[in-house]
Amino acid sequence: MKKIAPSLALFDYEGELVCGVDEAGRGPLAGAVYAAAVILDPARPIEGLRDSKKLSEAKRQALAEEIKQSAMAWSIAFCTESEIDEINILQASMLAMRRAVEGLKTAPTLALIDGNRCPVMQVRSEAIVKGDDKVPAISAASILAKTARDAALLQLHQQYPVYGFDQHKGYPTALHLERLRMHGVSPVHRKSYGPVREMLELRTAAS
């Protein structure tokens, strides 16, 4: 008897056109937050899908290309730094996920969202905690969102090389905080985030 993969056995959505949805980049101090939505093609299965954080960079890149070639539909969207500052990171993440779902060329009947809450949108949705390591479509979305955001941070590094975005991808590492103290806040930093906000306040008080 053929064993069914645990991720498939746990979730039975027969008759539904399912898309997986995930985001990347809530924690960084700079750059946009990204989201992706993926409808996998049952006729073109992809081996090795799992939470993007558990994959090497090379494996993520290889899988991202395979997902784009083999999926029935995929979409990547984002919310900018200014949107994050305006509506907060949670709402910006929800908005980026909604944009990703709305960007699919094929409309799903059900969106499976990684986490414990769903964005407000027309498509029926269901939140699945740790879904990025349980549901292949969410794993695929996790991979696309992560690789898209990493690529965007490499582009930001070209614009603002002094911050080392190519090394820390905007996360609040010791190197990033040191560069932030040395060079001040750039246009792509999230001004509502604590370390950035504190830096702005110090600069204002000193002027």
N, C-alpha and C. Protein backbone atom coordinates (compact mmCIF):
# COMPACT_ATOMS: atom_id res chain seq x y z
N MET A 1 0.85 -1.21 0.00
CA MET A 1 0.00 0.00 0.00
C MET A 1 0.88 1.25 0.00
N LYS A 2 0.59 2.15 -0.92
CA LYS A 2 1.40 3.36 -1.04
C LYS A 2 1.12 4.31 0.11
N LYS A 3 2.19 4.79 0.74
CA LYS A 3 2.03 5.74 1.84
C LYS A 3 1.68 7.12 1.30
N ILE A 4 0.75 7.80 1.98
CA ILE A 4 0.40 9.17 1.62
C ILE A 4 1.25 10.11 2.46
N ALA A 5 1.85 11.09 1.81
CA ALA A 5 2.67 12.06 2.54
C ALA A 5 1.84 12.71 3.64
N PRO A 6 2.42 12.92 4.84
CA PRO A 6 1.66 13.50 5.95
C PRO A 6 0.97 14.81 5.58
N SER A 7 1.67 15.65 4.81
CA SER A 7 1.10 16.95 4.47
C SER A 7 -0.17 16.81 3.65
N LEU A 8 -0.24 15.74 2.83
CA LEU A 8 -1.44 15.53 2.02
C LEU A 8 -2.53 14.83 2.82
N ALA A 9 -2.12 13.95 3.72
CA ALA A 9 -3.09 13.20 4.49
C ALA A 9 -3.85 14.10 5.47
N LEU A 10 -3.18 15.15 5.95
CA LEU A 10 -3.79 16.02 6.94
C LEU A 10 -4.88 16.92 6.35
N PHE A 11 -4.77 17.23 5.07
CA PHE A 11 -5.66 18.22 4.49
C PHE A 11 -6.28 17.68 3.19
N ASP A 12 -7.57 17.46 3.22
CA ASP A 12 -8.28 16.93 2.06
C ASP A 12 -9.21 18.01 1.52
N TYR A 13 -8.89 18.54 0.35
CA TYR A 13 -9.69 19.60 -0.24
C TYR A 13 -10.17 19.19 -1.63
N GLU A 14 -10.70 17.99 -1.71
CA GLU A 14 -11.18 17.45 -2.98
C GLU A 14 -12.28 18.36 -3.55
N GLY A 15 -12.17 18.66 -4.81
CA GLY A 15 -13.16 19.50 -5.47
C GLY A 15 -12.86 20.98 -5.40
N GLU A 16 -11.83 21.35 -4.63
CA GLU A 16 -11.45 22.77 -4.51
C GLU A 16 -10.26 23.07 -5.43
N LEU A 17 -10.22 24.29 -5.93
CA LEU A 17 -9.01 24.78 -6.61
C LEU A 17 -8.26 25.61 -5.58
N VAL A 18 -7.25 25.00 -5.00
CA VAL A 18 -6.57 25.56 -3.83
C VAL A 18 -5.32 26.34 -4.21
N CYS A 19 -5.16 27.49 -3.59
CA CYS A 19 -3.88 28.19 -3.68
C CYS A 19 -3.27 28.27 -2.28
N GLY A 20 -1.97 28.14 -2.21
CA GLY A 20 -1.25 28.34 -0.96
C GLY A 20 -0.73 29.76 -0.92
N VAL A 21 -0.70 30.36 0.27
CA VAL A 21 -0.30 31.76 0.40
C VAL A 21 0.64 31.91 1.60
N ASP A 22 1.72 32.64 1.41
CA ASP A 22 2.64 32.92 2.51
C ASP A 22 3.34 34.25 2.26
N GLU A 23 3.93 34.79 3.32
CA GLU A 23 4.64 36.06 3.22
C GLU A 23 6.07 35.91 3.69
N ALA A 24 6.89 36.89 3.36
CA ALA A 24 8.29 36.91 3.81
C ALA A 24 8.70 38.35 4.11
N GLY A 25 9.34 38.53 5.25
CA GLY A 25 9.90 39.84 5.55
C GLY A 25 9.16 40.68 6.55
N ARG A 26 8.55 40.06 7.56
CA ARG A 26 7.90 40.87 8.60
C ARG A 26 8.93 41.50 9.53
N GLY A 27 10.00 40.77 9.83
CA GLY A 27 10.94 41.21 10.86
C GLY A 27 11.98 42.23 10.46
N PRO A 28 12.37 42.33 9.20
CA PRO A 28 13.44 43.25 8.82
C PRO A 28 13.13 44.71 9.10
N LEU A 29 14.19 45.50 9.22
CA LEU A 29 14.07 46.93 9.46
C LEU A 29 13.96 47.72 8.16
N ALA A 30 14.16 47.05 7.04
CA ALA A 30 14.17 47.75 5.75
C ALA A 30 13.57 46.88 4.66
N GLY A 31 13.12 47.53 3.61
CA GLY A 31 12.58 46.80 2.47
C GLY A 31 11.11 46.49 2.62
N ALA A 32 10.52 46.09 1.51
CA ALA A 32 9.10 45.75 1.47
C ALA A 32 8.85 44.38 2.09
N VAL A 33 7.60 44.11 2.44
CA VAL A 33 7.18 42.77 2.83
C VAL A 33 6.56 42.12 1.60
N TYR A 34 6.95 40.89 1.33
CA TYR A 34 6.53 40.18 0.13
C TYR A 34 5.56 39.06 0.46
N ALA A 35 4.73 38.71 -0.50
CA ALA A 35 3.82 37.57 -0.37
C ALA A 35 3.70 36.88 -1.71
N ALA A 36 3.37 35.60 -1.67
CA ALA A 36 3.16 34.84 -2.90
C ALA A 36 1.95 33.94 -2.75
N ALA A 37 1.33 33.65 -3.86
CA ALA A 37 0.23 32.70 -3.93
C ALA A 37 0.52 31.71 -5.05
N VAL A 38 0.27 30.43 -4.80
CA VAL A 38 0.60 29.39 -5.77
C VAL A 38 -0.53 28.38 -5.86
N ILE A 39 -0.93 28.06 -7.09
CA ILE A 39 -1.82 26.93 -7.34
C ILE A 39 -0.98 25.86 -8.02
N LEU A 40 -0.74 24.75 -7.33
CA LEU A 40 0.07 23.69 -7.89
C LEU A 40 -0.73 22.88 -8.91
N ASP A 41 -0.02 22.30 -9.86
CA ASP A 41 -0.63 21.45 -10.88
C ASP A 41 -0.44 19.99 -10.46
N PRO A 42 -1.54 19.26 -10.14
CA PRO A 42 -1.39 17.86 -9.71
C PRO A 42 -0.69 16.99 -10.75
N ALA A 43 -0.77 17.39 -12.01
CA ALA A 43 -0.15 16.60 -13.07
C ALA A 43 1.36 16.85 -13.17
N ARG A 44 1.84 17.88 -12.46
CA ARG A 44 3.26 18.21 -12.50
C ARG A 44 3.78 18.38 -11.08
N PRO A 45 3.86 17.30 -10.32
CA PRO A 45 4.30 17.41 -8.92
C PRO A 45 5.74 17.90 -8.80
N ILE A 46 6.01 18.61 -7.71
CA ILE A 46 7.34 19.16 -7.45
C ILE A 46 7.89 18.52 -6.18
N GLU A 47 9.03 17.88 -6.29
CA GLU A 47 9.64 17.22 -5.15
C GLU A 47 10.43 18.22 -4.30
N GLY A 48 10.41 18.00 -2.99
CA GLY A 48 11.26 18.78 -2.09
C GLY A 48 10.66 20.05 -1.55
N LEU A 49 9.35 20.27 -1.75
CA LEU A 49 8.73 21.48 -1.22
C LEU A 49 8.64 21.41 0.29
N ARG A 50 9.05 22.49 0.94
CA ARG A 50 8.93 22.62 2.39
C ARG A 50 9.11 24.08 2.77
N ASP A 51 9.05 24.37 4.04
CA ASP A 51 9.25 25.73 4.54
C ASP A 51 10.55 26.29 3.98
N SER A 52 10.48 27.46 3.36
CA SER A 52 11.67 28.03 2.71
C SER A 52 12.82 28.25 3.67
N LYS A 53 12.52 28.49 4.94
CA LYS A 53 13.58 28.75 5.94
C LYS A 53 14.40 27.49 6.21
N LYS A 54 13.88 26.32 5.85
CA LYS A 54 14.57 25.06 6.09
C LYS A 54 15.35 24.59 4.86
N LEU A 55 15.40 25.43 3.84
CA LEU A 55 16.10 25.09 2.61
C LEU A 55 17.34 25.97 2.44
N SER A 56 18.35 25.44 1.78
CA SER A 56 19.52 26.26 1.46
C SER A 56 19.13 27.28 0.40
N GLU A 57 19.93 28.33 0.28
CA GLU A 57 19.64 29.35 -0.72
C GLU A 57 19.63 28.76 -2.12
N ALA A 58 20.57 27.87 -2.41
CA ALA A 58 20.64 27.25 -3.74
C ALA A 58 19.40 26.40 -4.01
N LYS A 59 18.95 25.66 -3.00
CA LYS A 59 17.77 24.81 -3.17
C LYS A 59 16.53 25.67 -3.35
N ARG A 60 16.44 26.75 -2.59
CA ARG A 60 15.29 27.66 -2.75
C ARG A 60 15.21 28.21 -4.17
N GLN A 61 16.36 28.64 -4.69
CA GLN A 61 16.40 29.21 -6.03
C GLN A 61 15.98 28.18 -7.07
N ALA A 62 16.48 26.97 -6.94
CA ALA A 62 16.14 25.91 -7.89
C ALA A 62 14.65 25.59 -7.84
N LEU A 63 14.12 25.50 -6.63
CA LEU A 63 12.69 25.20 -6.48
C LEU A 63 11.82 26.35 -6.97
N ALA A 64 12.27 27.58 -6.75
CA ALA A 64 11.50 28.73 -7.22
C ALA A 64 11.33 28.68 -8.73
N GLU A 65 12.40 28.35 -9.43
CA GLU A 65 12.31 28.25 -10.90
C GLU A 65 11.38 27.11 -11.31
N GLU A 66 11.46 25.99 -10.61
CA GLU A 66 10.59 24.86 -10.94
C GLU A 66 9.12 25.19 -10.67
N ILE A 67 8.87 25.90 -9.57
CA ILE A 67 7.50 26.29 -9.24
C ILE A 67 6.93 27.18 -10.34
N LYS A 68 7.71 28.15 -10.78
CA LYS A 68 7.24 29.07 -11.82
C LYS A 68 6.96 28.34 -13.14
N GLN A 69 7.73 27.29 -13.40
CA GLN A 69 7.54 26.54 -14.65
C GLN A 69 6.40 25.52 -14.56
N SER A 70 6.22 24.93 -13.37
CA SER A 70 5.31 23.79 -13.25
C SER A 70 3.95 24.11 -12.63
N ALA A 71 3.84 25.20 -11.87
CA ALA A 71 2.58 25.50 -11.19
C ALA A 71 1.49 25.87 -12.19
N MET A 72 0.26 25.61 -11.82
CA MET A 72 -0.88 26.03 -12.64
C MET A 72 -0.97 27.55 -12.70
N ALA A 73 -0.67 28.20 -11.57
CA ALA A 73 -0.66 29.66 -11.50
C ALA A 73 0.18 30.09 -10.30
N TRP A 74 0.83 31.24 -10.42
CA TRP A 74 1.57 31.80 -9.29
C TRP A 74 1.59 33.32 -9.40
N SER A 75 1.74 33.96 -8.26
CA SER A 75 1.73 35.42 -8.22
C SER A 75 2.55 35.89 -7.03
N ILE A 76 3.30 36.96 -7.23
CA ILE A 76 4.08 37.57 -6.15
C ILE A 76 3.67 39.03 -6.01
N ALA A 77 3.49 39.48 -4.78
CA ALA A 77 3.09 40.87 -4.53
C ALA A 77 3.85 41.37 -3.30
N PHE A 78 3.72 42.68 -3.04
CA PHE A 78 4.43 43.24 -1.88
C PHE A 78 3.71 44.48 -1.37
N CYS A 79 4.10 44.90 -0.17
CA CYS A 79 3.71 46.19 0.39
C CYS A 79 4.99 46.95 0.69
N THR A 80 5.02 48.20 0.33
CA THR A 80 6.22 49.01 0.46
C THR A 80 6.51 49.40 1.91
N GLU A 81 7.68 49.96 2.10
CA GLU A 81 8.06 50.44 3.44
C GLU A 81 7.09 51.52 3.93
N SER A 82 6.69 52.42 3.04
CA SER A 82 5.77 53.49 3.46
C SER A 82 4.40 52.93 3.82
N GLU A 83 3.96 51.89 3.12
CA GLU A 83 2.69 51.25 3.47
C GLU A 83 2.79 50.56 4.83
N ILE A 84 3.92 49.91 5.07
CA ILE A 84 4.14 49.27 6.38
C ILE A 84 4.07 50.31 7.50
N ASP A 85 4.74 51.44 7.29
CA ASP A 85 4.73 52.49 8.31
C ASP A 85 3.34 53.08 8.50
N GLU A 86 2.57 53.12 7.43
CA GLU A 86 1.24 53.73 7.51
C GLU A 86 0.20 52.83 8.18
N ILE A 87 0.21 51.53 7.85
CA ILE A 87 -0.88 50.66 8.33
C ILE A 87 -0.41 49.57 9.29
N ASN A 88 0.85 49.45 9.58
CA ASN A 88 1.55 48.51 10.44
C ASN A 88 1.85 47.21 9.69
N ILE A 89 2.83 46.47 10.19
CA ILE A 89 3.35 45.32 9.45
C ILE A 89 2.33 44.20 9.34
N LEU A 90 1.50 43.99 10.35
CA LEU A 90 0.49 42.92 10.26
C LEU A 90 -0.47 43.21 9.11
N GLN A 91 -1.01 44.42 9.09
CA GLN A 91 -1.97 44.77 8.03
C GLN A 91 -1.28 44.80 6.66
N ALA A 92 -0.03 45.22 6.62
CA ALA A 92 0.69 45.23 5.35
C ALA A 92 0.93 43.80 4.84
N SER A 93 1.21 42.88 5.76
CA SER A 93 1.38 41.48 5.37
C SER A 93 0.08 40.91 4.82
N MET A 94 -1.03 41.23 5.48
CA MET A 94 -2.34 40.78 5.01
C MET A 94 -2.64 41.36 3.62
N LEU A 95 -2.31 42.63 3.43
CA LEU A 95 -2.58 43.28 2.15
C LEU A 95 -1.72 42.68 1.04
N ALA A 96 -0.46 42.41 1.34
CA ALA A 96 0.43 41.79 0.35
C ALA A 96 -0.10 40.41 -0.05
N MET A 97 -0.60 39.64 0.92
CA MET A 97 -1.14 38.32 0.60
C MET A 97 -2.40 38.44 -0.24
N ARG A 98 -3.25 39.39 0.09
CA ARG A 98 -4.45 39.60 -0.73
C ARG A 98 -4.07 39.98 -2.15
N ARG A 99 -3.11 40.86 -2.30
CA ARG A 99 -2.66 41.25 -3.63
C ARG A 99 -2.11 40.06 -4.41
N ALA A 100 -1.40 39.18 -3.72
CA ALA A 100 -0.86 37.99 -4.39
C ALA A 100 -1.98 37.09 -4.90
N VAL A 101 -2.98 36.87 -4.07
CA VAL A 101 -4.11 36.03 -4.48
C VAL A 101 -4.85 36.68 -5.64
N GLU A 102 -5.08 37.98 -5.55
CA GLU A 102 -5.80 38.68 -6.61
C GLU A 102 -4.99 38.74 -7.92
N GLY A 103 -3.68 38.53 -7.82
CA GLY A 103 -2.84 38.56 -9.00
C GLY A 103 -2.75 37.24 -9.76
N LEU A 104 -3.34 36.18 -9.22
CA LEU A 104 -3.31 34.89 -9.89
C LEU A 104 -4.09 34.94 -11.20
N LYS A 105 -3.55 34.35 -12.24
CA LYS A 105 -4.24 34.34 -13.54
C LYS A 105 -5.42 33.38 -13.53
N THR A 106 -5.41 32.42 -12.60
CA THR A 106 -6.54 31.50 -12.40
C THR A 106 -7.10 31.75 -11.02
N ALA A 107 -8.39 31.97 -10.91
CA ALA A 107 -8.98 32.28 -9.61
C ALA A 107 -9.19 31.00 -8.80
N PRO A 108 -8.64 30.93 -7.59
CA PRO A 108 -8.87 29.74 -6.75
C PRO A 108 -10.24 29.79 -6.09
N THR A 109 -10.69 28.64 -5.61
CA THR A 109 -11.92 28.61 -4.82
C THR A 109 -11.62 28.64 -3.32
N LEU A 110 -10.36 28.36 -2.96
CA LEU A 110 -9.96 28.36 -1.55
C LEU A 110 -8.50 28.77 -1.44
N ALA A 111 -8.23 29.68 -0.53
CA ALA A 111 -6.86 30.11 -0.25
C ALA A 111 -6.44 29.57 1.11
N LEU A 112 -5.35 28.83 1.15
CA LEU A 112 -4.80 28.32 2.40
C LEU A 112 -3.65 29.24 2.82
N ILE A 113 -3.82 29.87 3.99
CA ILE A 113 -2.91 30.90 4.45
C ILE A 113 -2.00 30.37 5.55
N ASP A 114 -0.71 30.59 5.42
CA ASP A 114 0.19 30.20 6.49
C ASP A 114 -0.01 31.12 7.69
N GLY A 115 -0.18 30.54 8.88
CA GLY A 115 -0.33 31.35 10.09
C GLY A 115 -1.66 31.12 10.78
N ASN A 116 -2.06 32.10 11.57
CA ASN A 116 -3.29 31.95 12.37
C ASN A 116 -4.37 32.96 12.03
N ARG A 117 -4.20 33.68 10.93
CA ARG A 117 -5.25 34.61 10.51
C ARG A 117 -5.21 34.78 9.00
N CYS A 118 -6.32 35.23 8.46
CA CYS A 118 -6.46 35.35 7.00
C CYS A 118 -6.69 36.80 6.60
N PRO A 119 -6.20 37.20 5.44
CA PRO A 119 -6.53 38.53 4.93
C PRO A 119 -7.99 38.60 4.51
N VAL A 120 -8.52 39.79 4.54
CA VAL A 120 -9.90 39.99 4.07
C VAL A 120 -9.87 40.06 2.54
N MET A 121 -10.58 39.14 1.90
CA MET A 121 -10.62 39.11 0.44
C MET A 121 -11.84 38.33 -0.01
N GLN A 122 -12.11 38.37 -1.30
CA GLN A 122 -13.30 37.72 -1.82
C GLN A 122 -13.19 36.20 -1.82
N VAL A 123 -11.98 35.68 -2.01
CA VAL A 123 -11.78 34.24 -2.02
C VAL A 123 -11.91 33.67 -0.61
N ARG A 124 -12.62 32.56 -0.47
CA ARG A 124 -12.73 31.89 0.82
C ARG A 124 -11.35 31.44 1.27
N SER A 125 -11.06 31.57 2.56
CA SER A 125 -9.70 31.28 3.03
C SER A 125 -9.72 30.50 4.34
N GLU A 126 -8.60 29.86 4.60
CA GLU A 126 -8.42 29.08 5.83
C GLU A 126 -6.99 29.24 6.30
N ALA A 127 -6.79 29.57 7.56
CA ALA A 127 -5.45 29.73 8.12
C ALA A 127 -4.95 28.40 8.67
N ILE A 128 -3.69 28.09 8.39
CA ILE A 128 -3.08 26.85 8.87
C ILE A 128 -1.75 27.19 9.54
N VAL A 129 -1.69 26.99 10.84
CA VAL A 129 -0.46 27.27 11.59
C VAL A 129 0.64 26.32 11.13
N LYS A 130 1.81 26.88 10.85
CA LYS A 130 2.95 26.13 10.30
C LYS A 130 2.59 25.45 8.98
N GLY A 131 1.69 26.06 8.25
CA GLY A 131 1.27 25.50 6.97
C GLY A 131 2.38 25.42 5.96
N ASP A 132 3.41 26.29 6.11
CA ASP A 132 4.50 26.29 5.14
C ASP A 132 5.32 25.01 5.18
N ASP A 133 5.15 24.19 6.21
CA ASP A 133 5.84 22.91 6.26
C ASP A 133 4.87 21.74 6.28
N LYS A 134 3.58 22.02 6.03
CA LYS A 134 2.56 20.97 6.02
C LYS A 134 1.86 20.83 4.68
N VAL A 135 1.63 21.95 4.02
CA VAL A 135 0.85 21.97 2.79
C VAL A 135 1.76 22.38 1.62
N PRO A 136 1.93 21.53 0.63
CA PRO A 136 2.87 21.82 -0.47
C PRO A 136 2.62 23.17 -1.15
N ALA A 137 1.36 23.55 -1.36
CA ALA A 137 1.09 24.82 -2.04
C ALA A 137 1.56 26.01 -1.19
N ILE A 138 1.43 25.90 0.13
CA ILE A 138 1.92 26.97 1.00
C ILE A 138 3.45 26.97 1.01
N SER A 139 4.05 25.78 1.02
CA SER A 139 5.51 25.70 0.93
C SER A 139 6.01 26.39 -0.33
N ALA A 140 5.32 26.15 -1.44
CA ALA A 140 5.71 26.77 -2.71
C ALA A 140 5.59 28.29 -2.62
N ALA A 141 4.52 28.78 -2.00
CA ALA A 141 4.35 30.23 -1.82
C ALA A 141 5.44 30.79 -0.93
N SER A 142 5.80 30.05 0.10
CA SER A 142 6.87 30.47 1.01
C SER A 142 8.18 30.64 0.25
N ILE A 143 8.46 29.71 -0.64
CA ILE A 143 9.70 29.75 -1.41
C ILE A 143 9.71 30.94 -2.37
N LEU A 144 8.59 31.17 -3.06
CA LEU A 144 8.54 32.30 -4.00
C LEU A 144 8.64 33.64 -3.27
N ALA A 145 7.96 33.77 -2.14
CA ALA A 145 8.01 35.02 -1.40
C ALA A 145 9.42 35.30 -0.87
N LYS A 146 10.06 34.26 -0.34
CA LYS A 146 11.40 34.42 0.22
C LYS A 146 12.42 34.77 -0.85
N THR A 147 12.40 34.06 -1.98
CA THR A 147 13.39 34.34 -3.03
C THR A 147 13.16 35.70 -3.67
N ALA A 148 11.89 36.09 -3.80
CA ALA A 148 11.60 37.42 -4.37
C ALA A 148 12.10 38.51 -3.45
N ARG A 149 11.89 38.35 -2.15
CA ARG A 149 12.34 39.38 -1.21
C ARG A 149 13.87 39.44 -1.15
N ASP A 150 14.52 38.28 -1.15
CA ASP A 150 15.99 38.28 -1.14
C ASP A 150 16.54 38.98 -2.37
N ALA A 151 15.93 38.74 -3.53
CA ALA A 151 16.38 39.40 -4.76
C ALA A 151 16.19 40.91 -4.66
N ALA A 152 15.08 41.33 -4.06
CA ALA A 152 14.81 42.76 -3.89
C ALA A 152 15.85 43.40 -2.98
N LEU A 153 16.26 42.69 -1.94
CA LEU A 153 17.27 43.25 -1.02
C LEU A 153 18.64 43.33 -1.67
N LEU A 154 18.93 42.44 -2.59
CA LEU A 154 20.18 42.55 -3.34
C LEU A 154 20.17 43.79 -4.22
N GLN A 155 19.00 44.11 -4.77
CA GLN A 155 18.88 45.34 -5.54
C GLN A 155 19.05 46.57 -4.65
N LEU A 156 18.48 46.51 -3.43
CA LEU A 156 18.65 47.63 -2.50
C LEU A 156 20.12 47.79 -2.12
N HIS A 157 20.84 46.68 -2.07
CA HIS A 157 22.27 46.76 -1.76
C HIS A 157 23.01 47.56 -2.84
N GLN A 158 22.58 47.40 -4.08
CA GLN A 158 23.21 48.17 -5.16
C GLN A 158 22.96 49.67 -4.98
N GLN A 159 21.78 50.02 -4.47
CA GLN A 159 21.44 51.42 -4.26
C GLN A 159 22.07 51.99 -2.99
N TYR A 160 22.13 51.17 -1.95
CA TYR A 160 22.62 51.63 -0.64
C TYR A 160 23.66 50.63 -0.10
N PRO A 161 24.83 50.54 -0.73
CA PRO A 161 25.80 49.50 -0.35
C PRO A 161 26.36 49.63 1.06
N VAL A 162 26.29 50.82 1.65
CA VAL A 162 26.91 51.00 2.97
C VAL A 162 26.19 50.23 4.07
N TYR A 163 24.96 49.81 3.82
CA TYR A 163 24.20 49.13 4.88
C TYR A 163 24.41 47.60 4.90
N GLY A 164 24.98 47.05 3.85
CA GLY A 164 25.22 45.60 3.82
C GLY A 164 23.96 44.77 3.67
N PHE A 165 22.99 45.27 2.91
CA PHE A 165 21.75 44.53 2.72
C PHE A 165 21.96 43.16 2.10
N ASP A 166 23.05 43.00 1.34
CA ASP A 166 23.32 41.70 0.72
C ASP A 166 23.68 40.64 1.75
N GLN A 167 24.10 41.08 2.94
CA GLN A 167 24.50 40.13 3.98
C GLN A 167 23.37 39.81 4.96
N HIS A 168 22.66 40.83 5.41
CA HIS A 168 21.65 40.59 6.45
C HIS A 168 20.21 40.68 5.95
N LYS A 169 20.03 41.06 4.68
CA LYS A 169 18.70 41.15 4.06
C LYS A 169 17.74 42.05 4.84
N GLY A 170 18.29 43.03 5.55
CA GLY A 170 17.45 43.99 6.26
C GLY A 170 17.11 43.62 7.69
N TYR A 171 17.46 42.42 8.12
CA TYR A 171 17.15 42.00 9.49
C TYR A 171 18.04 42.76 10.49
N PRO A 172 17.59 42.90 11.73
CA PRO A 172 18.32 43.72 12.71
C PRO A 172 19.53 43.00 13.30
N THR A 173 20.48 42.63 12.48
CA THR A 173 21.71 42.01 12.95
C THR A 173 22.62 43.08 13.55
N ALA A 174 23.68 42.62 14.22
CA ALA A 174 24.65 43.56 14.80
C ALA A 174 25.27 44.43 13.70
N LEU A 175 25.56 43.81 12.55
CA LEU A 175 26.14 44.57 11.44
C LEU A 175 25.17 45.64 10.94
N HIS A 176 23.92 45.29 10.78
CA HIS A 176 22.94 46.25 10.28
C HIS A 176 22.77 47.41 11.25
N LEU A 177 22.67 47.11 12.53
CA LEU A 177 22.50 48.16 13.54
C LEU A 177 23.73 49.08 13.59
N GLU A 178 24.90 48.49 13.42
CA GLU A 178 26.12 49.29 13.40
C GLU A 178 26.13 50.24 12.20
N ARG A 179 25.76 49.71 11.02
CA ARG A 179 25.72 50.55 9.82
C ARG A 179 24.64 51.62 9.92
N LEU A 180 23.55 51.28 10.58
CA LEU A 180 22.47 52.24 10.78
C LEU A 180 22.94 53.40 11.66
N ARG A 181 23.72 53.08 12.69
CA ARG A 181 24.27 54.13 13.56
C ARG A 181 25.29 54.98 12.80
N MET A 182 26.05 54.34 11.94
CA MET A 182 27.10 55.05 11.21
C MET A 182 26.55 55.95 10.10
N HIS A 183 25.55 55.48 9.40
CA HIS A 183 25.11 56.16 8.19
C HIS A 183 23.70 56.76 8.28
N GLY A 184 23.02 56.51 9.39
CA GLY A 184 21.68 57.06 9.53
C GLY A 184 20.63 56.25 8.78
N VAL A 185 19.43 56.77 8.74
CA VAL A 185 18.27 56.06 8.18
C VAL A 185 18.17 56.35 6.68
N SER A 186 18.02 55.29 5.90
CA SER A 186 17.88 55.43 4.45
C SER A 186 16.40 55.54 4.08
N PRO A 187 16.09 55.90 2.83
CA PRO A 187 14.70 55.99 2.40
C PRO A 187 13.97 54.64 2.42
N VAL A 188 14.71 53.52 2.47
CA VAL A 188 14.04 52.21 2.43
C VAL A 188 13.93 51.57 3.81
N HIS A 189 14.32 52.28 4.86
CA HIS A 189 14.13 51.76 6.21
C HIS A 189 12.68 51.99 6.68
N ARG A 190 12.22 51.08 7.51
CA ARG A 190 10.86 51.16 8.05
C ARG A 190 10.88 52.06 9.28
N LYS A 191 10.37 53.26 9.13
CA LYS A 191 10.50 54.28 10.17
C LYS A 191 9.66 54.01 11.41
N SER A 192 8.70 53.10 11.32
CA SER A 192 7.87 52.76 12.48
C SER A 192 8.51 51.68 13.35
N TYR A 193 9.60 51.08 12.89
CA TYR A 193 10.26 50.02 13.66
C TYR A 193 11.18 50.63 14.71
N GLY A 194 11.20 50.02 15.90
CA GLY A 194 11.89 50.57 17.06
C GLY A 194 13.29 51.12 16.82
N PRO A 195 14.25 50.29 16.36
CA PRO A 195 15.62 50.79 16.18
C PRO A 195 15.72 51.95 15.19
N VAL A 196 14.89 51.91 14.15
CA VAL A 196 14.91 52.99 13.16
C VAL A 196 14.28 54.25 13.74
N ARG A 197 13.16 54.07 14.40
CA ARG A 197 12.47 55.21 15.03
C ARG A 197 13.37 55.88 16.07
N GLU A 198 14.06 55.08 16.87
CA GLU A 198 14.95 55.63 17.88
C GLU A 198 16.10 56.41 17.25
N MET A 199 16.61 55.91 16.12
CA MET A 199 17.68 56.61 15.42
C MET A 199 17.19 57.95 14.91
N LEU A 200 16.00 57.98 14.38
CA LEU A 200 15.42 59.24 13.89
C LEU A 200 15.22 60.24 15.03
N GLU A 201 14.76 59.72 16.17
CA GLU A 201 14.53 60.59 17.32
C GLU A 201 15.84 61.16 17.84
N LEU A 202 16.91 60.34 17.85
CA LEU A 202 18.21 60.82 18.30
C LEU A 202 18.74 61.89 17.38
N ARG A 203 18.58 61.68 16.07
CA ARG A 203 19.06 62.67 15.10
C ARG A 203 18.29 63.98 15.24
N THR A 204 16.98 63.87 15.49
CA THR A 204 16.14 65.06 15.64
C THR A 204 16.54 65.83 16.90
N ALA A 205 16.78 65.07 18.01
CA ALA A 205 17.15 65.72 19.26
C ALA A 205 18.51 66.41 19.15
N ALA A 206 19.39 65.82 18.33
CA ALA A 206 20.74 66.37 18.22
C ALA A 206 20.81 67.58 17.30
N SER A 207 19.78 67.73 16.45
CA SER A 207 19.82 68.83 15.48
C SER A 207 19.26 70.13 16.06
